[in-house]
Amino acid sequence: MYEKIITYLKEQISLNECIILPNFGGFETEYSPSIFDKSSGKIIPPHKKIKFIEEYKKDNGYLANYIAQKENCSRDEAYALLTKFIEEIKKEINTKGEFNLSNI
C-alpha cells in the first residue's frame, strides 16, 4: 500500500504547489522556466523544483482527499492510511537515518 501512497504523493506534487504530510512536513514546489546553459550548449526544459519543509505540519487535505478518491474510501480511512504511512517513514528514519521517496 505504501507504494500507492508514494505514487499518489508524486501525482499531487505534480499538480499542486504544496502537499503536506500531516504532523510531519510538506513538499513545496517552485516552477523553474527553461534556460540555456551556455557552458554545455544545452537547453534545460522547464521543471518543478521540490523542497521538503519540516515546519509545514498543518494538513491542507489535498493528499488525504486524493487517497480517498483513488481508493474509493472515506476521508477518515484515507487519513488512517496516511497516518500509518507517516509512522512508517518516521520509523525508517529512526532506524536507517533516511526514507527514500523514489522518483519524486
N, C-alpha and C. Protein backbone atom coordinates (compact mmCIF):
# COMPACT_ATOMS: atom_id res chain seq x y z
N MET A 1 0.82 -1.21 0.00
CA MET A 1 0.00 0.00 0.00
C MET A 1 0.86 1.26 0.00
N TYR A 2 2.04 1.18 0.63
CA TYR A 2 2.88 2.37 0.70
C TYR A 2 3.34 2.83 -0.67
N GLU A 3 3.53 1.88 -1.58
CA GLU A 3 3.92 2.26 -2.94
C GLU A 3 2.82 3.10 -3.59
N LYS A 4 1.56 2.73 -3.32
CA LYS A 4 0.45 3.51 -3.87
C LYS A 4 0.44 4.92 -3.29
N ILE A 5 0.68 5.03 -2.00
CA ILE A 5 0.67 6.35 -1.37
C ILE A 5 1.80 7.20 -1.93
N ILE A 6 2.96 6.60 -2.16
CA ILE A 6 4.06 7.34 -2.78
C ILE A 6 3.66 7.80 -4.18
N THR A 7 2.98 6.94 -4.92
CA THR A 7 2.51 7.32 -6.26
C THR A 7 1.52 8.47 -6.16
N TYR A 8 0.58 8.39 -5.22
CA TYR A 8 -0.40 9.46 -5.03
C TYR A 8 0.29 10.75 -4.62
N LEU A 9 1.28 10.64 -3.76
CA LEU A 9 2.05 11.82 -3.34
C LEU A 9 2.73 12.46 -4.54
N LYS A 10 3.36 11.65 -5.35
CA LYS A 10 4.03 12.15 -6.56
C LYS A 10 3.03 12.85 -7.49
N GLU A 11 1.87 12.23 -7.69
CA GLU A 11 0.86 12.83 -8.56
C GLU A 11 0.39 14.17 -8.02
N GLN A 12 0.19 14.25 -6.72
CA GLN A 12 -0.29 15.50 -6.12
C GLN A 12 0.79 16.58 -6.14
N ILE A 13 2.04 16.19 -5.96
CA ILE A 13 3.14 17.17 -6.04
C ILE A 13 3.19 17.76 -7.45
N SER A 14 2.92 16.95 -8.46
CA SER A 14 2.96 17.47 -9.83
C SER A 14 1.80 18.43 -10.12
N LEU A 15 0.71 18.31 -9.35
CA LEU A 15 -0.48 19.13 -9.60
C LEU A 15 -0.61 20.35 -8.69
N ASN A 16 0.04 20.34 -7.54
CA ASN A 16 -0.14 21.38 -6.53
C ASN A 16 1.20 22.00 -6.13
N GLU A 17 1.13 23.18 -5.58
CA GLU A 17 2.34 23.87 -5.14
C GLU A 17 2.82 23.39 -3.77
N CYS A 18 1.92 22.83 -2.97
CA CYS A 18 2.30 22.39 -1.63
C CYS A 18 1.44 21.19 -1.22
N ILE A 19 2.12 20.12 -0.85
CA ILE A 19 1.44 18.93 -0.33
C ILE A 19 2.02 18.65 1.05
N ILE A 20 1.13 18.47 2.02
CA ILE A 20 1.58 18.30 3.39
C ILE A 20 1.27 16.90 3.88
N LEU A 21 2.27 16.31 4.55
CA LEU A 21 2.07 15.07 5.28
C LEU A 21 1.78 15.49 6.71
N PRO A 22 0.55 15.30 7.19
CA PRO A 22 0.15 15.83 8.49
C PRO A 22 1.11 15.47 9.63
N ASN A 23 1.44 16.46 10.43
CA ASN A 23 2.32 16.30 11.58
C ASN A 23 3.71 15.77 11.21
N PHE A 24 4.12 15.98 9.97
CA PHE A 24 5.44 15.53 9.54
C PHE A 24 6.20 16.61 8.78
N GLY A 25 5.57 17.19 7.77
CA GLY A 25 6.22 18.21 6.94
C GLY A 25 5.56 18.26 5.58
N GLY A 26 6.04 19.17 4.76
CA GLY A 26 5.41 19.34 3.46
C GLY A 26 6.39 19.47 2.32
N PHE A 27 5.89 19.19 1.15
CA PHE A 27 6.66 19.34 -0.08
C PHE A 27 6.15 20.56 -0.81
N GLU A 28 7.04 21.49 -1.05
CA GLU A 28 6.69 22.72 -1.75
C GLU A 28 7.38 22.70 -3.11
N THR A 29 6.65 23.10 -4.12
CA THR A 29 7.22 23.12 -5.46
C THR A 29 7.35 24.55 -5.96
N GLU A 30 8.30 24.73 -6.82
CA GLU A 30 8.53 26.03 -7.44
C GLU A 30 8.83 25.80 -8.91
N TYR A 31 8.11 26.50 -9.76
CA TYR A 31 8.32 26.38 -11.20
C TYR A 31 9.65 27.00 -11.59
N SER A 32 10.40 26.28 -12.40
CA SER A 32 11.65 26.78 -12.92
C SER A 32 11.56 26.80 -14.45
N PRO A 33 11.63 27.97 -15.08
CA PRO A 33 11.47 28.04 -16.54
C PRO A 33 12.67 27.41 -17.25
N SER A 34 12.50 27.18 -18.54
CA SER A 34 13.62 26.64 -19.31
C SER A 34 14.74 27.67 -19.37
N ILE A 35 15.95 27.16 -19.44
CA ILE A 35 17.12 28.03 -19.53
C ILE A 35 18.10 27.46 -20.54
N PHE A 36 18.95 28.32 -21.04
CA PHE A 36 20.01 27.89 -21.93
C PHE A 36 21.31 27.86 -21.14
N ASP A 37 21.93 26.68 -21.07
CA ASP A 37 23.20 26.52 -20.36
C ASP A 37 24.32 26.78 -21.36
N LYS A 38 24.93 27.97 -21.24
CA LYS A 38 25.97 28.37 -22.20
C LYS A 38 27.17 27.43 -22.17
N SER A 39 27.53 26.93 -20.99
CA SER A 39 28.73 26.09 -20.89
C SER A 39 28.58 24.76 -21.62
N SER A 40 27.37 24.19 -21.61
CA SER A 40 27.16 22.91 -22.28
C SER A 40 26.48 23.07 -23.64
N GLY A 41 25.89 24.26 -23.88
CA GLY A 41 25.18 24.48 -25.12
C GLY A 41 23.83 23.79 -25.18
N LYS A 42 23.31 23.42 -24.01
CA LYS A 42 22.04 22.70 -23.95
C LYS A 42 20.94 23.58 -23.39
N ILE A 43 19.72 23.27 -23.84
CA ILE A 43 18.53 23.91 -23.28
C ILE A 43 17.98 22.98 -22.21
N ILE A 44 17.81 23.51 -21.02
CA ILE A 44 17.23 22.74 -19.93
C ILE A 44 15.75 23.08 -19.89
N PRO A 45 14.89 22.06 -20.05
CA PRO A 45 13.45 22.32 -20.13
C PRO A 45 12.87 22.82 -18.80
N PRO A 46 11.69 23.41 -18.84
CA PRO A 46 11.06 23.85 -17.59
C PRO A 46 10.78 22.64 -16.70
N HIS A 47 10.84 22.87 -15.41
CA HIS A 47 10.59 21.80 -14.46
C HIS A 47 10.20 22.39 -13.10
N LYS A 48 9.81 21.52 -12.20
CA LYS A 48 9.49 21.95 -10.85
C LYS A 48 10.64 21.57 -9.93
N LYS A 49 11.01 22.51 -9.10
CA LYS A 49 11.97 22.21 -8.04
C LYS A 49 11.14 21.86 -6.81
N ILE A 50 11.54 20.80 -6.12
CA ILE A 50 10.81 20.34 -4.95
C ILE A 50 11.70 20.46 -3.72
N LYS A 51 11.12 21.01 -2.65
CA LYS A 51 11.87 21.05 -1.40
C LYS A 51 10.95 20.59 -0.27
N PHE A 52 11.56 19.94 0.70
CA PHE A 52 10.81 19.46 1.87
C PHE A 52 10.97 20.49 2.97
N ILE A 53 9.85 20.88 3.57
CA ILE A 53 9.87 21.87 4.64
C ILE A 53 9.24 21.22 5.87
N GLU A 54 10.09 20.95 6.85
CA GLU A 54 9.66 20.25 8.06
C GLU A 54 8.64 21.05 8.86
N GLU A 55 8.70 22.37 8.78
CA GLU A 55 7.81 23.22 9.56
C GLU A 55 6.35 23.15 9.11
N TYR A 56 6.10 22.66 7.91
CA TYR A 56 4.73 22.56 7.41
C TYR A 56 4.07 21.32 8.04
N LYS A 57 3.33 21.53 9.09
CA LYS A 57 2.72 20.41 9.82
C LYS A 57 1.20 20.37 9.66
N LYS A 58 0.58 21.54 9.49
CA LYS A 58 -0.87 21.61 9.41
C LYS A 58 -1.33 21.13 8.04
N ASP A 59 -2.16 20.13 8.03
CA ASP A 59 -2.61 19.48 6.80
C ASP A 59 -3.49 20.39 5.96
N ASN A 60 -3.25 20.37 4.65
CA ASN A 60 -4.12 21.11 3.73
C ASN A 60 -5.17 20.20 3.10
N GLY A 61 -5.13 18.91 3.40
CA GLY A 61 -6.16 17.97 2.97
C GLY A 61 -6.04 17.43 1.56
N TYR A 62 -5.17 17.98 0.74
CA TYR A 62 -5.08 17.56 -0.65
C TYR A 62 -4.78 16.06 -0.79
N LEU A 63 -3.77 15.60 -0.08
CA LEU A 63 -3.35 14.20 -0.25
C LEU A 63 -4.40 13.24 0.29
N ALA A 64 -4.94 13.50 1.47
CA ALA A 64 -5.97 12.61 2.04
C ALA A 64 -7.20 12.56 1.14
N ASN A 65 -7.62 13.69 0.63
CA ASN A 65 -8.78 13.71 -0.27
C ASN A 65 -8.50 12.90 -1.54
N TYR A 66 -7.28 13.03 -2.04
CA TYR A 66 -6.91 12.31 -3.26
C TYR A 66 -6.87 10.80 -3.00
N ILE A 67 -6.30 10.41 -1.85
CA ILE A 67 -6.27 8.99 -1.50
C ILE A 67 -7.69 8.45 -1.38
N ALA A 68 -8.57 9.19 -0.72
CA ALA A 68 -9.96 8.76 -0.56
C ALA A 68 -10.62 8.56 -1.93
N GLN A 69 -10.36 9.46 -2.84
CA GLN A 69 -10.93 9.36 -4.19
C GLN A 69 -10.38 8.14 -4.92
N LYS A 70 -9.06 7.97 -4.89
CA LYS A 70 -8.42 6.88 -5.63
C LYS A 70 -8.74 5.50 -5.03
N GLU A 71 -8.83 5.43 -3.72
CA GLU A 71 -9.08 4.15 -3.05
C GLU A 71 -10.57 3.90 -2.79
N ASN A 72 -11.40 4.86 -3.20
CA ASN A 72 -12.84 4.75 -3.00
C ASN A 72 -13.17 4.44 -1.53
N CYS A 73 -12.62 5.27 -0.65
CA CYS A 73 -12.85 5.10 0.77
C CYS A 73 -13.21 6.45 1.38
N SER A 74 -13.55 6.45 2.66
CA SER A 74 -13.88 7.70 3.34
C SER A 74 -12.62 8.50 3.60
N ARG A 75 -12.82 9.77 3.87
CA ARG A 75 -11.68 10.64 4.20
C ARG A 75 -11.00 10.17 5.48
N ASP A 76 -11.78 9.70 6.45
CA ASP A 76 -11.21 9.18 7.70
C ASP A 76 -10.34 7.95 7.44
N GLU A 77 -10.80 7.07 6.56
CA GLU A 77 -10.00 5.90 6.20
C GLU A 77 -8.72 6.32 5.49
N ALA A 78 -8.83 7.31 4.64
CA ALA A 78 -7.64 7.82 3.93
C ALA A 78 -6.64 8.41 4.92
N TYR A 79 -7.14 9.17 5.90
CA TYR A 79 -6.24 9.72 6.92
C TYR A 79 -5.58 8.61 7.72
N ALA A 80 -6.32 7.53 8.00
CA ALA A 80 -5.73 6.40 8.73
C ALA A 80 -4.59 5.77 7.92
N LEU A 81 -4.80 5.60 6.61
CA LEU A 81 -3.74 5.07 5.75
C LEU A 81 -2.54 6.01 5.72
N LEU A 82 -2.82 7.28 5.62
CA LEU A 82 -1.76 8.29 5.58
C LEU A 82 -0.99 8.33 6.90
N THR A 83 -1.70 8.22 8.01
CA THR A 83 -1.05 8.21 9.33
C THR A 83 -0.13 7.01 9.47
N LYS A 84 -0.57 5.84 9.03
CA LYS A 84 0.29 4.64 9.07
C LYS A 84 1.52 4.82 8.19
N PHE A 85 1.32 5.43 7.04
CA PHE A 85 2.45 5.69 6.12
C PHE A 85 3.47 6.63 6.78
N ILE A 86 2.99 7.68 7.41
CA ILE A 86 3.88 8.63 8.07
C ILE A 86 4.60 7.97 9.24
N GLU A 87 3.92 7.12 9.98
CA GLU A 87 4.56 6.37 11.06
C GLU A 87 5.68 5.49 10.52
N GLU A 88 5.45 4.87 9.35
CA GLU A 88 6.48 4.04 8.72
C GLU A 88 7.68 4.89 8.29
N ILE A 89 7.41 6.06 7.76
CA ILE A 89 8.50 6.98 7.39
C ILE A 89 9.34 7.30 8.61
N LYS A 90 8.68 7.70 9.70
CA LYS A 90 9.40 8.06 10.93
C LYS A 90 10.20 6.88 11.47
N LYS A 91 9.61 5.70 11.45
CA LYS A 91 10.29 4.50 11.93
C LYS A 91 11.55 4.23 11.12
N GLU A 92 11.43 4.32 9.79
CA GLU A 92 12.58 4.06 8.93
C GLU A 92 13.67 5.13 9.09
N ILE A 93 13.25 6.37 9.28
CA ILE A 93 14.23 7.44 9.51
C ILE A 93 14.97 7.19 10.81
N ASN A 94 14.26 6.75 11.84
CA ASN A 94 14.89 6.48 13.14
C ASN A 94 15.84 5.30 13.10
N THR A 95 15.53 4.28 12.28
CA THR A 95 16.39 3.10 12.22
C THR A 95 17.48 3.19 11.16
N LYS A 96 17.15 3.74 10.00
CA LYS A 96 18.11 3.79 8.89
C LYS A 96 18.69 5.17 8.64
N GLY A 97 18.09 6.19 9.25
CA GLY A 97 18.58 7.55 9.05
C GLY A 97 18.01 8.24 7.83
N GLU A 98 17.17 7.53 7.06
CA GLU A 98 16.58 8.13 5.86
C GLU A 98 15.36 7.34 5.43
N PHE A 99 14.57 7.96 4.57
CA PHE A 99 13.44 7.30 3.91
C PHE A 99 13.48 7.73 2.46
N ASN A 100 13.51 6.76 1.57
CA ASN A 100 13.64 7.06 0.15
C ASN A 100 12.26 7.16 -0.51
N LEU A 101 11.94 8.33 -0.99
CA LEU A 101 10.73 8.54 -1.77
C LEU A 101 11.14 8.48 -3.24
N SER A 102 11.22 7.28 -3.74
CA SER A 102 11.75 7.08 -5.08
C SER A 102 10.96 7.84 -6.14
N ASN A 103 11.70 8.39 -7.08
CA ASN A 103 11.15 9.08 -8.24
C ASN A 103 10.39 10.36 -7.96
N ILE A 104 10.61 10.96 -6.82
CA ILE A 104 9.97 12.24 -6.56
C ILE A 104 11.03 13.31 -6.69
